N, C-alpha and C. Protein backbone atom coordinates (compact mmCIF):
# COMPACT_ATOMS: atom_id res chain seq x y z
N MET A 1 99.36 121.69 81.27
CA MET A 1 98.52 121.19 82.48
C MET A 1 98.92 121.99 83.92
N ALA A 2 100.07 122.52 83.83
CA ALA A 2 100.47 123.32 85.04
C ALA A 2 99.44 124.76 85.19
N TRP A 3 99.03 125.25 84.18
CA TRP A 3 98.03 126.26 84.04
C TRP A 3 96.78 125.82 84.82
N LEU A 4 96.22 124.76 84.56
CA LEU A 4 95.17 123.94 84.92
C LEU A 4 95.19 123.61 86.46
N TYR A 5 96.27 123.15 86.68
CA TYR A 5 96.40 122.81 87.97
C TYR A 5 96.37 124.06 89.19
N LEU A 6 97.19 125.16 88.55
CA LEU A 6 97.25 126.43 89.19
C LEU A 6 95.72 127.02 89.34
N ILE A 7 94.83 126.97 88.27
CA ILE A 7 93.56 127.47 88.41
C ILE A 7 92.82 126.52 89.45
N LEU A 8 92.90 125.26 89.31
CA LEU A 8 92.21 124.58 90.21
C LEU A 8 92.55 124.73 91.76
N ALA A 9 93.84 124.96 92.01
CA ALA A 9 94.47 125.25 93.24
C ALA A 9 93.96 126.45 93.78
N GLY A 10 93.83 127.51 92.84
CA GLY A 10 93.13 128.79 93.37
C GLY A 10 91.79 128.67 93.76
N LEU A 11 91.11 127.89 92.85
CA LEU A 11 89.69 127.78 93.30
C LEU A 11 89.64 126.73 94.63
N GLY A 12 90.46 125.84 94.69
CA GLY A 12 90.54 125.26 96.02
C GLY A 12 90.64 126.24 97.25
N GLU A 13 91.36 127.12 97.08
CA GLU A 13 91.60 128.07 98.08
C GLU A 13 90.62 128.96 98.38
N VAL A 14 89.60 129.11 97.16
CA VAL A 14 88.34 129.95 97.54
C VAL A 14 87.51 129.06 98.29
N VAL A 15 87.42 127.72 98.18
CA VAL A 15 86.46 126.75 98.96
C VAL A 15 87.10 126.69 100.14
N TRP A 16 88.37 126.54 100.37
CA TRP A 16 88.67 126.47 102.12
C TRP A 16 88.62 127.71 102.80
N ALA A 17 88.94 128.81 102.07
CA ALA A 17 88.66 130.12 102.88
C ALA A 17 87.19 130.11 103.36
N ILE A 18 86.18 130.10 102.22
CA ILE A 18 84.86 130.26 102.69
C ILE A 18 84.40 129.10 103.86
N ALA A 19 85.01 127.86 103.49
CA ALA A 19 84.60 126.97 104.57
C ALA A 19 84.93 127.34 105.82
N LEU A 20 86.28 127.82 105.96
CA LEU A 20 86.92 128.14 107.30
C LEU A 20 85.99 129.25 107.84
N LYS A 21 85.31 130.08 107.14
CA LYS A 21 84.51 131.03 107.76
C LYS A 21 83.42 130.30 108.27
N GLN A 22 82.84 129.45 107.55
CA GLN A 22 81.54 128.53 107.93
C GLN A 22 81.88 127.63 109.05
N SER A 23 83.25 127.28 109.22
CA SER A 23 83.52 126.19 110.49
C SER A 23 83.32 126.95 111.74
N ALA A 24 83.28 128.28 111.96
CA ALA A 24 83.07 128.96 113.21
C ALA A 24 84.32 128.47 114.13
N SER A 25 85.47 128.94 113.67
CA SER A 25 86.60 128.57 114.32
C SER A 25 86.89 126.86 114.49
N PHE A 26 86.44 126.15 113.64
CA PHE A 26 86.50 124.67 113.68
C PHE A 26 85.80 124.20 114.86
N THR A 27 84.37 124.72 115.04
CA THR A 27 83.35 124.15 115.78
C THR A 27 82.51 123.59 114.96
N ARG A 28 82.26 123.50 113.84
CA ARG A 28 81.23 122.84 113.05
C ARG A 28 81.95 122.10 112.16
N PHE A 29 81.58 120.74 112.39
CA PHE A 29 82.28 119.48 111.77
C PHE A 29 82.37 119.72 110.25
N TRP A 30 81.38 119.53 109.50
CA TRP A 30 81.38 119.29 107.99
C TRP A 30 82.10 120.64 107.48
N PRO A 31 81.89 121.91 107.86
CA PRO A 31 82.71 122.77 107.25
C PRO A 31 84.09 122.72 107.56
N SER A 32 84.48 122.40 108.79
CA SER A 32 85.84 122.24 109.28
C SER A 32 86.42 120.81 108.38
N VAL A 33 85.55 119.92 108.03
CA VAL A 33 86.23 118.93 107.13
C VAL A 33 86.64 119.49 105.64
N ILE A 34 85.59 120.17 105.17
CA ILE A 34 85.61 120.76 104.06
C ILE A 34 86.95 121.64 103.97
N THR A 35 87.07 122.34 104.73
CA THR A 35 88.28 123.22 105.13
C THR A 35 89.64 122.60 104.75
N VAL A 36 89.84 121.67 105.66
CA VAL A 36 90.93 120.83 105.51
C VAL A 36 91.26 120.24 104.19
N VAL A 37 90.18 119.42 103.69
CA VAL A 37 90.38 118.66 102.57
C VAL A 37 90.82 119.62 101.54
N ALA A 38 90.02 120.80 101.21
CA ALA A 38 90.27 121.75 100.14
C ALA A 38 91.49 122.41 100.27
N LEU A 39 91.99 122.79 101.64
CA LEU A 39 93.55 123.15 101.77
C LEU A 39 94.30 122.29 101.28
N LEU A 40 94.26 121.34 101.78
CA LEU A 40 95.34 120.00 101.49
C LEU A 40 95.36 120.03 99.77
N ALA A 41 94.17 119.81 99.25
CA ALA A 41 93.87 119.55 97.82
C ALA A 41 94.62 120.73 97.07
N SER A 42 94.34 122.08 97.41
CA SER A 42 94.92 123.26 96.99
C SER A 42 96.40 123.32 97.15
N PHE A 43 96.89 123.16 98.22
CA PHE A 43 98.20 123.18 98.34
C PHE A 43 99.02 122.10 97.38
N TYR A 44 98.38 120.92 97.45
CA TYR A 44 98.99 119.73 96.35
C TYR A 44 98.93 120.17 95.04
N LEU A 45 97.83 120.79 94.62
CA LEU A 45 97.69 121.31 93.12
C LEU A 45 98.77 122.63 92.90
N LEU A 46 99.01 123.23 93.95
CA LEU A 46 100.00 124.43 93.80
C LEU A 46 101.37 123.93 93.65
N THR A 47 101.60 122.62 94.36
CA THR A 47 102.92 122.12 94.09
C THR A 47 103.21 121.57 92.85
N LEU A 48 102.16 121.06 92.33
CA LEU A 48 102.17 120.50 90.75
C LEU A 48 102.47 121.72 90.00
N ALA A 49 101.81 122.83 90.03
CA ALA A 49 102.05 123.99 89.41
C ALA A 49 103.48 124.47 89.41
N PHE A 50 104.12 124.60 90.50
CA PHE A 50 105.23 124.93 90.75
C PHE A 50 106.31 124.26 89.93
N ARG A 51 106.25 123.10 89.33
CA ARG A 51 106.97 122.22 88.75
C ARG A 51 107.27 122.83 87.25
N HIS A 52 106.42 123.72 86.84
CA HIS A 52 106.51 124.30 85.40
C HIS A 52 106.34 125.76 85.38
N ILE A 53 105.66 126.32 86.54
CA ILE A 53 105.63 127.86 86.49
C ILE A 53 106.65 128.51 87.58
N PRO A 54 107.04 129.57 87.22
CA PRO A 54 107.90 129.93 88.27
C PRO A 54 107.20 130.31 89.67
N THR A 55 108.00 130.15 90.71
CA THR A 55 107.05 130.17 92.04
C THR A 55 106.57 131.56 92.40
N GLY A 56 107.39 132.70 92.05
CA GLY A 56 106.62 133.89 92.34
C GLY A 56 105.30 134.22 91.60
N VAL A 57 105.32 133.99 90.06
CA VAL A 57 104.27 133.91 89.21
C VAL A 57 102.89 133.05 89.73
N ALA A 58 103.50 131.65 90.02
CA ALA A 58 102.37 130.77 90.36
C ALA A 58 101.69 131.25 91.65
N TYR A 59 102.50 131.50 92.76
CA TYR A 59 101.85 131.90 94.11
C TYR A 59 101.06 133.24 94.03
N ALA A 60 101.46 134.26 93.05
CA ALA A 60 100.70 135.57 93.08
C ALA A 60 99.44 135.08 92.53
N ILE A 61 99.50 134.42 91.37
CA ILE A 61 98.18 134.14 90.69
C ILE A 61 97.22 133.20 91.51
N TRP A 62 97.88 132.22 92.29
CA TRP A 62 97.17 131.30 93.13
C TRP A 62 96.29 132.25 94.45
N THR A 63 97.20 133.45 94.95
CA THR A 63 96.37 134.04 95.90
C THR A 63 95.50 134.93 95.31
N GLY A 64 95.94 135.42 94.05
CA GLY A 64 94.89 136.48 93.27
C GLY A 64 93.54 135.82 93.08
N ILE A 65 93.64 134.46 92.55
CA ILE A 65 92.35 133.87 92.31
C ILE A 65 91.67 133.58 93.59
N GLY A 66 92.54 133.28 94.73
CA GLY A 66 91.59 133.08 95.87
C GLY A 66 91.05 134.56 96.38
N ALA A 67 91.85 135.47 96.20
CA ALA A 67 91.42 136.69 96.69
C ALA A 67 89.98 137.28 95.88
N VAL A 68 90.23 137.06 94.44
CA VAL A 68 89.02 137.58 93.74
C VAL A 68 87.73 136.85 93.90
N GLY A 69 88.18 135.38 94.26
CA GLY A 69 87.07 134.39 94.30
C GLY A 69 86.27 134.50 95.61
N VAL A 70 87.23 134.73 96.72
CA VAL A 70 86.49 134.88 97.99
C VAL A 70 85.96 136.15 98.05
N ALA A 71 86.31 137.13 97.67
CA ALA A 71 85.52 138.53 97.43
C ALA A 71 84.14 138.17 96.99
N LEU A 72 84.33 137.81 95.56
CA LEU A 72 82.94 137.62 94.85
C LEU A 72 82.05 136.73 95.50
N VAL A 73 82.40 135.55 96.00
CA VAL A 73 81.61 134.74 96.93
C VAL A 73 80.89 135.40 98.14
N SER A 74 81.59 136.22 98.49
CA SER A 74 81.27 136.98 99.72
C SER A 74 80.39 137.95 99.37
N PHE A 75 80.38 138.64 98.30
CA PHE A 75 79.46 139.71 98.00
C PHE A 75 77.98 138.95 97.48
N VAL A 76 78.37 137.80 96.88
CA VAL A 76 77.08 137.24 95.92
C VAL A 76 76.26 136.47 97.33
N TRP A 77 77.13 135.58 97.84
CA TRP A 77 76.23 134.61 98.74
C TRP A 77 76.24 135.06 100.29
N MET A 78 77.14 136.17 100.79
CA MET A 78 77.30 136.37 102.16
C MET A 78 76.65 137.49 102.45
N GLY A 79 76.24 138.46 101.41
CA GLY A 79 75.57 139.76 101.48
C GLY A 79 76.60 140.88 101.95
N GLU A 80 77.78 140.98 101.75
CA GLU A 80 78.91 141.78 101.87
C GLU A 80 78.67 142.94 100.88
N THR A 81 79.03 144.06 101.26
CA THR A 81 78.72 145.31 100.51
C THR A 81 79.91 145.32 99.25
N LEU A 82 79.26 145.73 98.05
CA LEU A 82 80.06 145.68 96.76
C LEU A 82 80.16 147.22 96.54
N THR A 83 81.27 147.95 96.67
CA THR A 83 81.24 149.34 96.29
C THR A 83 82.21 149.50 95.14
N LEU A 84 82.03 150.65 94.48
CA LEU A 84 82.84 150.97 93.25
C LEU A 84 84.26 150.74 93.56
N MET A 85 84.72 151.07 94.60
CA MET A 85 86.53 150.97 95.10
C MET A 85 86.62 149.48 95.14
N ARG A 86 85.84 148.81 95.86
CA ARG A 86 85.99 147.15 95.70
C ARG A 86 86.02 146.56 94.50
N TRP A 87 85.11 146.99 93.46
CA TRP A 87 85.12 146.55 92.27
C TRP A 87 86.52 146.81 91.29
N ALA A 88 86.83 148.29 91.68
CA ALA A 88 88.10 148.61 91.17
C ALA A 88 89.22 147.90 91.63
N SER A 89 89.49 147.51 92.87
CA SER A 89 90.45 146.71 93.48
C SER A 89 90.44 145.25 92.99
N ILE A 90 89.37 144.93 92.71
CA ILE A 90 89.33 143.33 92.04
C ILE A 90 89.70 143.39 90.99
N GLY A 91 89.31 144.46 90.13
CA GLY A 91 89.85 144.60 88.50
C GLY A 91 91.32 144.71 88.74
N LEU A 92 92.10 145.38 89.30
CA LEU A 92 93.40 145.79 89.56
C LEU A 92 94.06 144.31 89.89
N ILE A 93 93.41 143.47 90.66
CA ILE A 93 93.95 142.15 90.97
C ILE A 93 93.91 141.29 89.61
N VAL A 94 92.93 141.37 89.12
CA VAL A 94 92.91 140.52 87.73
C VAL A 94 93.85 140.80 86.81
N LEU A 95 94.02 142.50 86.63
CA LEU A 95 95.00 142.86 85.65
C LEU A 95 96.21 142.59 85.97
N GLY A 96 96.62 142.42 87.37
CA GLY A 96 97.91 142.10 87.74
C GLY A 96 98.03 140.68 87.40
N MET A 97 97.19 139.76 87.50
CA MET A 97 97.31 138.20 87.26
C MET A 97 97.36 137.97 85.76
N ILE A 98 96.57 138.77 85.07
CA ILE A 98 96.85 138.64 83.35
C ILE A 98 98.14 139.28 83.06
N GLY A 99 98.69 140.30 83.81
CA GLY A 99 100.15 140.69 83.55
C GLY A 99 101.06 139.89 83.70
N LEU A 100 100.85 139.16 84.88
CA LEU A 100 101.94 137.92 85.18
C LEU A 100 102.05 136.92 84.20
N LYS A 101 100.78 136.69 83.65
CA LYS A 101 100.70 135.45 82.83
C LYS A 101 101.37 135.68 81.44
N MET A 102 101.12 136.97 81.19
CA MET A 102 101.56 137.33 79.67
C MET A 102 103.13 137.94 79.68
N GLY A 103 103.62 138.33 80.86
CA GLY A 103 104.78 138.92 81.01
C GLY A 103 105.98 137.87 80.97
N GLY A 104 105.85 136.71 80.62
CA GLY A 104 106.79 135.47 80.62
C GLY A 104 106.68 134.49 79.66
N PRO A 105 107.60 133.77 79.65
CA PRO A 105 107.50 132.42 78.60
C PRO A 105 106.42 131.27 79.01
């Protein structure tokens, strides 16, 4: 269950980060509400994952899921440019997360 909590926490990070951008510095109501709710949910799920996954591994994977997810959402839905270097960098983050998962008990 801890890994499921961690994955959900990472997806929550994607939601709050995208909603934060859409909130226009908390001047738009619903994106602001989504930001706060997703942030709290993401942090709570991360604390549940911390119970069974080492802190450094869980935090690195949580931020990795957030970074990759926000980058992909930004490319697909927000029209940001996707270059070969950006693809390669996203791939390195994913490889790092896989290495963290496989590198321990």
